[in-house]
Amino acid sequence: MTVARSLLLFVLAALAEIGGAWLVWQGWREHRGVLWIAGGIIALGCYGFVATFQPDPHFGRILAAYGGIFVAGSLAWGMVVDRFRPDRWDLIGAGICLVGVAVIMYMPRR
């Protein structure tokens, strides 16, 4: 249950951070306006809180592991939202990052 909860929190963090950054990008680079930017800022603020609910108490470990989720999630976001087509190296790199997440977060410790 703890691993499932942790993974769900990582997914929520990725949606908030990647979605928030995308909204800011759309507001600024695609000239959609200040409301898009404001929505992005709010989403990025929400991202900042999600990590605090992780069961592991170590900030550095949580953010290091989240980095791998961010990499894979960014590629997935690009595929779904922007119709980006990752190449095999993108996918291999994301896979390596996800293995790193598993090692950092879920390997047994004393």
N, C-alpha and C. Protein backbone atom coordinates (compact mmCIF):
# COMPACT_ATOMS: atom_id res chain seq x y z
N MET A 1 0.82 -1.21 0.00
CA MET A 1 0.00 0.00 0.00
C MET A 1 0.86 1.26 0.00
N THR A 2 1.97 1.23 0.73
CA THR A 2 2.84 2.40 0.81
C THR A 2 3.45 2.73 -0.55
N VAL A 3 3.88 1.70 -1.30
CA VAL A 3 4.45 1.93 -2.63
C VAL A 3 3.39 2.50 -3.56
N ALA A 4 2.20 1.95 -3.53
CA ALA A 4 1.11 2.44 -4.39
C ALA A 4 0.79 3.90 -4.06
N ARG A 5 0.74 4.22 -2.78
CA ARG A 5 0.47 5.61 -2.37
C ARG A 5 1.59 6.54 -2.85
N SER A 6 2.81 6.10 -2.69
CA SER A 6 3.95 6.89 -3.12
C SER A 6 3.92 7.12 -4.63
N LEU A 7 3.63 6.08 -5.40
CA LEU A 7 3.56 6.23 -6.86
C LEU A 7 2.43 7.18 -7.27
N LEU A 8 1.29 7.07 -6.60
CA LEU A 8 0.18 7.97 -6.89
C LEU A 8 0.59 9.42 -6.61
N LEU A 9 1.28 9.65 -5.51
CA LEU A 9 1.74 11.00 -5.19
C LEU A 9 2.73 11.51 -6.23
N PHE A 10 3.61 10.64 -6.71
CA PHE A 10 4.53 11.04 -7.77
C PHE A 10 3.78 11.43 -9.04
N VAL A 11 2.75 10.67 -9.40
CA VAL A 11 1.96 10.99 -10.59
C VAL A 11 1.24 12.32 -10.41
N LEU A 12 0.67 12.55 -9.22
CA LEU A 12 0.00 13.83 -8.96
C LEU A 12 0.99 14.99 -9.03
N ALA A 13 2.18 14.79 -8.47
CA ALA A 13 3.21 15.83 -8.53
C ALA A 13 3.58 16.14 -9.97
N ALA A 14 3.73 15.09 -10.77
CA ALA A 14 4.10 15.29 -12.17
C ALA A 14 3.01 16.04 -12.93
N LEU A 15 1.76 15.67 -12.69
CA LEU A 15 0.66 16.37 -13.37
C LEU A 15 0.65 17.85 -12.99
N ALA A 16 0.86 18.14 -11.72
CA ALA A 16 0.84 19.54 -11.27
C ALA A 16 2.04 20.31 -11.82
N GLU A 17 3.24 19.72 -11.74
CA GLU A 17 4.42 20.46 -12.19
C GLU A 17 4.48 20.58 -13.71
N ILE A 18 4.31 19.48 -14.40
CA ILE A 18 4.39 19.52 -15.85
C ILE A 18 3.22 20.31 -16.42
N GLY A 19 2.03 20.09 -15.88
CA GLY A 19 0.87 20.85 -16.32
C GLY A 19 1.02 22.33 -16.04
N GLY A 20 1.54 22.66 -14.88
CA GLY A 20 1.75 24.07 -14.54
C GLY A 20 2.76 24.74 -15.46
N ALA A 21 3.86 24.04 -15.71
CA ALA A 21 4.87 24.60 -16.61
C ALA A 21 4.31 24.74 -18.02
N TRP A 22 3.50 23.77 -18.45
CA TRP A 22 2.89 23.83 -19.78
C TRP A 22 1.94 25.03 -19.87
N LEU A 23 1.17 25.27 -18.82
CA LEU A 23 0.26 26.42 -18.83
C LEU A 23 1.02 27.74 -18.92
N VAL A 24 2.11 27.85 -18.17
CA VAL A 24 2.94 29.06 -18.27
C VAL A 24 3.49 29.20 -19.68
N TRP A 25 3.98 28.10 -20.23
CA TRP A 25 4.51 28.09 -21.61
C TRP A 25 3.44 28.57 -22.59
N GLN A 26 2.24 28.02 -22.45
CA GLN A 26 1.15 28.41 -23.35
C GLN A 26 0.79 29.89 -23.19
N GLY A 27 0.74 30.34 -21.95
CA GLY A 27 0.39 31.73 -21.70
C GLY A 27 1.41 32.69 -22.26
N TRP A 28 2.69 32.36 -22.12
CA TRP A 28 3.75 33.28 -22.52
C TRP A 28 4.18 33.07 -23.96
N ARG A 29 4.60 31.85 -24.28
CA ARG A 29 5.17 31.58 -25.61
C ARG A 29 4.11 31.49 -26.70
N GLU A 30 2.93 31.03 -26.35
CA GLU A 30 1.87 30.90 -27.34
C GLU A 30 0.85 32.05 -27.25
N HIS A 31 1.17 33.02 -26.40
CA HIS A 31 0.38 34.26 -26.30
C HIS A 31 -1.09 34.01 -25.94
N ARG A 32 -1.32 33.07 -25.03
CA ARG A 32 -2.70 32.79 -24.62
C ARG A 32 -3.17 33.66 -23.46
N GLY A 33 -2.25 34.35 -22.83
CA GLY A 33 -2.65 35.34 -21.85
C GLY A 33 -2.32 35.02 -20.41
N VAL A 34 -2.61 36.02 -19.61
CA VAL A 34 -2.24 36.01 -18.21
C VAL A 34 -3.02 34.97 -17.39
N LEU A 35 -4.22 34.63 -17.79
CA LEU A 35 -4.98 33.61 -17.05
C LEU A 35 -4.33 32.24 -17.17
N TRP A 36 -3.78 31.94 -18.32
CA TRP A 36 -3.05 30.67 -18.48
C TRP A 36 -1.82 30.67 -17.58
N ILE A 37 -1.12 31.78 -17.55
CA ILE A 37 0.07 31.89 -16.70
C ILE A 37 -0.32 31.76 -15.24
N ALA A 38 -1.38 32.42 -14.83
CA ALA A 38 -1.85 32.35 -13.44
C ALA A 38 -2.23 30.91 -13.08
N GLY A 39 -2.92 30.23 -13.98
CA GLY A 39 -3.26 28.82 -13.74
C GLY A 39 -2.02 27.98 -13.57
N GLY A 40 -1.00 28.27 -14.37
CA GLY A 40 0.26 27.54 -14.25
C GLY A 40 0.95 27.79 -12.93
N ILE A 41 0.93 29.01 -12.49
CA ILE A 41 1.55 29.36 -11.20
C ILE A 41 0.83 28.64 -10.06
N ILE A 42 -0.47 28.59 -10.12
CA ILE A 42 -1.24 27.88 -9.09
C ILE A 42 -0.91 26.39 -9.10
N ALA A 43 -0.87 25.80 -10.31
CA ALA A 43 -0.54 24.38 -10.41
C ALA A 43 0.85 24.10 -9.89
N LEU A 44 1.81 24.97 -10.20
CA LEU A 44 3.18 24.77 -9.71
C LEU A 44 3.23 24.90 -8.19
N GLY A 45 2.43 25.78 -7.63
CA GLY A 45 2.34 25.87 -6.17
C GLY A 45 1.79 24.60 -5.57
N CYS A 46 0.79 24.01 -6.21
CA CYS A 46 0.23 22.74 -5.73
C CYS A 46 1.27 21.63 -5.77
N TYR A 47 2.06 21.62 -6.83
CA TYR A 47 3.14 20.64 -6.93
C TYR A 47 4.05 20.70 -5.69
N GLY A 48 4.34 21.90 -5.24
CA GLY A 48 5.22 22.06 -4.10
C GLY A 48 4.71 21.38 -2.84
N PHE A 49 3.41 21.24 -2.72
CA PHE A 49 2.83 20.61 -1.54
C PHE A 49 2.72 19.09 -1.66
N VAL A 50 2.56 18.59 -2.86
CA VAL A 50 2.30 17.16 -3.04
C VAL A 50 3.43 16.31 -2.45
N ALA A 51 4.67 16.72 -2.66
CA ALA A 51 5.80 15.93 -2.18
C ALA A 51 5.80 15.79 -0.65
N THR A 52 5.20 16.73 0.03
CA THR A 52 5.19 16.66 1.50
C THR A 52 4.36 15.49 2.02
N PHE A 53 3.54 14.90 1.17
CA PHE A 53 2.71 13.77 1.59
C PHE A 53 3.38 12.42 1.35
N GLN A 54 4.57 12.42 0.77
CA GLN A 54 5.29 11.15 0.56
C GLN A 54 5.60 10.52 1.92
N PRO A 55 5.52 9.19 2.00
CA PRO A 55 5.78 8.53 3.29
C PRO A 55 7.23 8.62 3.75
N ASP A 56 8.18 8.73 2.85
CA ASP A 56 9.59 8.85 3.23
C ASP A 56 9.84 10.26 3.74
N PRO A 57 10.56 10.43 4.86
CA PRO A 57 10.73 11.76 5.44
C PRO A 57 11.89 12.57 4.86
N HIS A 58 12.63 12.03 3.90
CA HIS A 58 13.86 12.68 3.43
C HIS A 58 13.62 13.47 2.14
N PHE A 59 13.67 14.79 2.27
CA PHE A 59 13.41 15.68 1.14
C PHE A 59 14.30 15.37 -0.06
N GLY A 60 15.59 15.21 0.18
CA GLY A 60 16.53 14.95 -0.91
C GLY A 60 16.21 13.68 -1.66
N ARG A 61 15.85 12.63 -0.94
CA ARG A 61 15.51 11.37 -1.58
C ARG A 61 14.24 11.50 -2.42
N ILE A 62 13.25 12.16 -1.87
CA ILE A 62 11.98 12.33 -2.59
C ILE A 62 12.20 13.11 -3.88
N LEU A 63 12.92 14.24 -3.79
CA LEU A 63 13.11 15.06 -4.99
C LEU A 63 14.03 14.39 -5.99
N ALA A 64 15.02 13.64 -5.53
CA ALA A 64 15.89 12.91 -6.45
C ALA A 64 15.09 11.86 -7.22
N ALA A 65 14.28 11.11 -6.51
CA ALA A 65 13.45 10.09 -7.17
C ALA A 65 12.43 10.74 -8.08
N TYR A 66 11.84 11.83 -7.64
CA TYR A 66 10.84 12.52 -8.46
C TYR A 66 11.43 12.96 -9.80
N GLY A 67 12.72 13.26 -9.81
CA GLY A 67 13.36 13.66 -11.06
C GLY A 67 13.14 12.64 -12.17
N GLY A 68 13.21 11.36 -11.83
CA GLY A 68 12.97 10.31 -12.82
C GLY A 68 11.53 10.29 -13.29
N ILE A 69 10.61 10.52 -12.36
CA ILE A 69 9.19 10.59 -12.72
C ILE A 69 8.95 11.78 -13.64
N PHE A 70 9.62 12.90 -13.33
CA PHE A 70 9.48 14.10 -14.15
C PHE A 70 9.93 13.85 -15.58
N VAL A 71 11.05 13.17 -15.75
CA VAL A 71 11.57 12.89 -17.09
C VAL A 71 10.57 12.06 -17.89
N ALA A 72 10.14 10.95 -17.32
CA ALA A 72 9.19 10.07 -18.01
C ALA A 72 7.84 10.78 -18.22
N GLY A 73 7.39 11.50 -17.20
CA GLY A 73 6.12 12.20 -17.30
C GLY A 73 6.14 13.31 -18.34
N SER A 74 7.26 13.99 -18.47
CA SER A 74 7.37 15.05 -19.48
C SER A 74 7.25 14.48 -20.88
N LEU A 75 7.89 13.35 -21.12
CA LEU A 75 7.76 12.71 -22.43
C LEU A 75 6.32 12.26 -22.67
N ALA A 76 5.70 11.68 -21.65
CA ALA A 76 4.31 11.23 -21.79
C ALA A 76 3.39 12.43 -22.05
N TRP A 77 3.59 13.53 -21.32
CA TRP A 77 2.79 14.73 -21.53
C TRP A 77 2.94 15.20 -22.97
N GLY A 78 4.16 15.26 -23.44
CA GLY A 78 4.41 15.70 -24.81
C GLY A 78 3.71 14.81 -25.83
N MET A 79 3.69 13.51 -25.57
CA MET A 79 3.03 12.58 -26.49
C MET A 79 1.52 12.82 -26.52
N VAL A 80 0.93 12.98 -25.34
CA VAL A 80 -0.52 13.10 -25.25
C VAL A 80 -1.01 14.49 -25.65
N VAL A 81 -0.35 15.52 -25.14
CA VAL A 81 -0.86 16.88 -25.30
C VAL A 81 -0.33 17.55 -26.58
N ASP A 82 0.95 17.36 -26.87
CA ASP A 82 1.55 18.05 -28.02
C ASP A 82 1.84 17.13 -29.20
N ARG A 83 1.42 15.88 -29.11
CA ARG A 83 1.64 14.89 -30.18
C ARG A 83 3.12 14.72 -30.53
N PHE A 84 3.97 14.87 -29.52
CA PHE A 84 5.40 14.64 -29.66
C PHE A 84 5.64 13.14 -29.81
N ARG A 85 6.57 12.76 -30.68
CA ARG A 85 6.89 11.35 -30.87
C ARG A 85 8.32 11.11 -30.39
N PRO A 86 8.47 10.54 -29.19
CA PRO A 86 9.82 10.28 -28.69
C PRO A 86 10.50 9.20 -29.53
N ASP A 87 11.80 9.31 -29.65
CA ASP A 87 12.53 8.26 -30.36
C ASP A 87 12.99 7.20 -29.35
N ARG A 88 13.66 6.19 -29.82
CA ARG A 88 14.05 5.09 -28.93
C ARG A 88 14.97 5.56 -27.82
N TRP A 89 15.80 6.57 -28.09
CA TRP A 89 16.72 7.06 -27.05
C TRP A 89 15.97 7.81 -25.97
N ASP A 90 14.94 8.53 -26.34
CA ASP A 90 14.08 9.17 -25.34
C ASP A 90 13.48 8.10 -24.43
N LEU A 91 12.95 7.04 -25.04
CA LEU A 91 12.29 5.99 -24.27
C LEU A 91 13.28 5.20 -23.41
N ILE A 92 14.45 4.93 -23.95
CA ILE A 92 15.48 4.23 -23.16
C ILE A 92 15.91 5.11 -21.98
N GLY A 93 16.11 6.38 -22.23
CA GLY A 93 16.49 7.30 -21.16
C GLY A 93 15.44 7.38 -20.07
N ALA A 94 14.17 7.46 -20.48
CA ALA A 94 13.08 7.51 -19.50
C ALA A 94 13.03 6.21 -18.70
N GLY A 95 13.25 5.08 -19.37
CA GLY A 95 13.26 3.80 -18.67
C GLY A 95 14.38 3.74 -17.63
N ILE A 96 15.54 4.23 -17.99
CA ILE A 96 16.66 4.27 -17.04
C ILE A 96 16.29 5.13 -15.83
N CYS A 97 15.66 6.27 -16.10
CA CYS A 97 15.24 7.15 -15.00
C CYS A 97 14.25 6.45 -14.08
N LEU A 98 13.31 5.69 -14.64
CA LEU A 98 12.32 4.99 -13.81
C LEU A 98 12.95 3.87 -13.00
N VAL A 99 13.96 3.23 -13.55
CA VAL A 99 14.71 2.25 -12.76
C VAL A 99 15.38 2.96 -11.58
N GLY A 100 15.92 4.14 -11.84
CA GLY A 100 16.53 4.93 -10.76
C GLY A 100 15.53 5.27 -9.67
N VAL A 101 14.30 5.61 -10.06
CA VAL A 101 13.25 5.89 -9.08
C VAL A 101 13.03 4.68 -8.19
N ALA A 102 12.92 3.51 -8.80
CA ALA A 102 12.68 2.28 -8.04
C ALA A 102 13.83 2.00 -7.08
N VAL A 103 15.05 2.20 -7.53
CA VAL A 103 16.21 1.95 -6.66
C VAL A 103 16.23 2.93 -5.50
N ILE A 104 16.05 4.21 -5.80
CA ILE A 104 16.12 5.23 -4.76
C ILE A 104 15.00 5.07 -3.73
N MET A 105 13.79 4.84 -4.21
CA MET A 105 12.64 4.88 -3.31
C MET A 105 12.26 3.54 -2.68
N TYR A 106 12.41 2.44 -3.40
CA TYR A 106 11.72 1.23 -2.98
C TYR A 106 12.63 0.06 -2.66
N MET A 107 13.93 0.24 -2.72
CA MET A 107 14.82 -0.84 -2.31
C MET A 107 14.86 -0.91 -0.78
N PRO A 108 14.96 -2.13 -0.25
CA PRO A 108 14.98 -2.29 1.22
C PRO A 108 16.15 -1.56 1.85
N ARG A 109 15.89 -0.97 2.99
CA ARG A 109 16.93 -0.28 3.77
C ARG A 109 16.87 -0.80 5.20
N ARG A 110 17.97 -0.61 5.89
CA ARG A 110 18.00 -1.00 7.31
C ARG A 110 17.15 -0.08 8.13
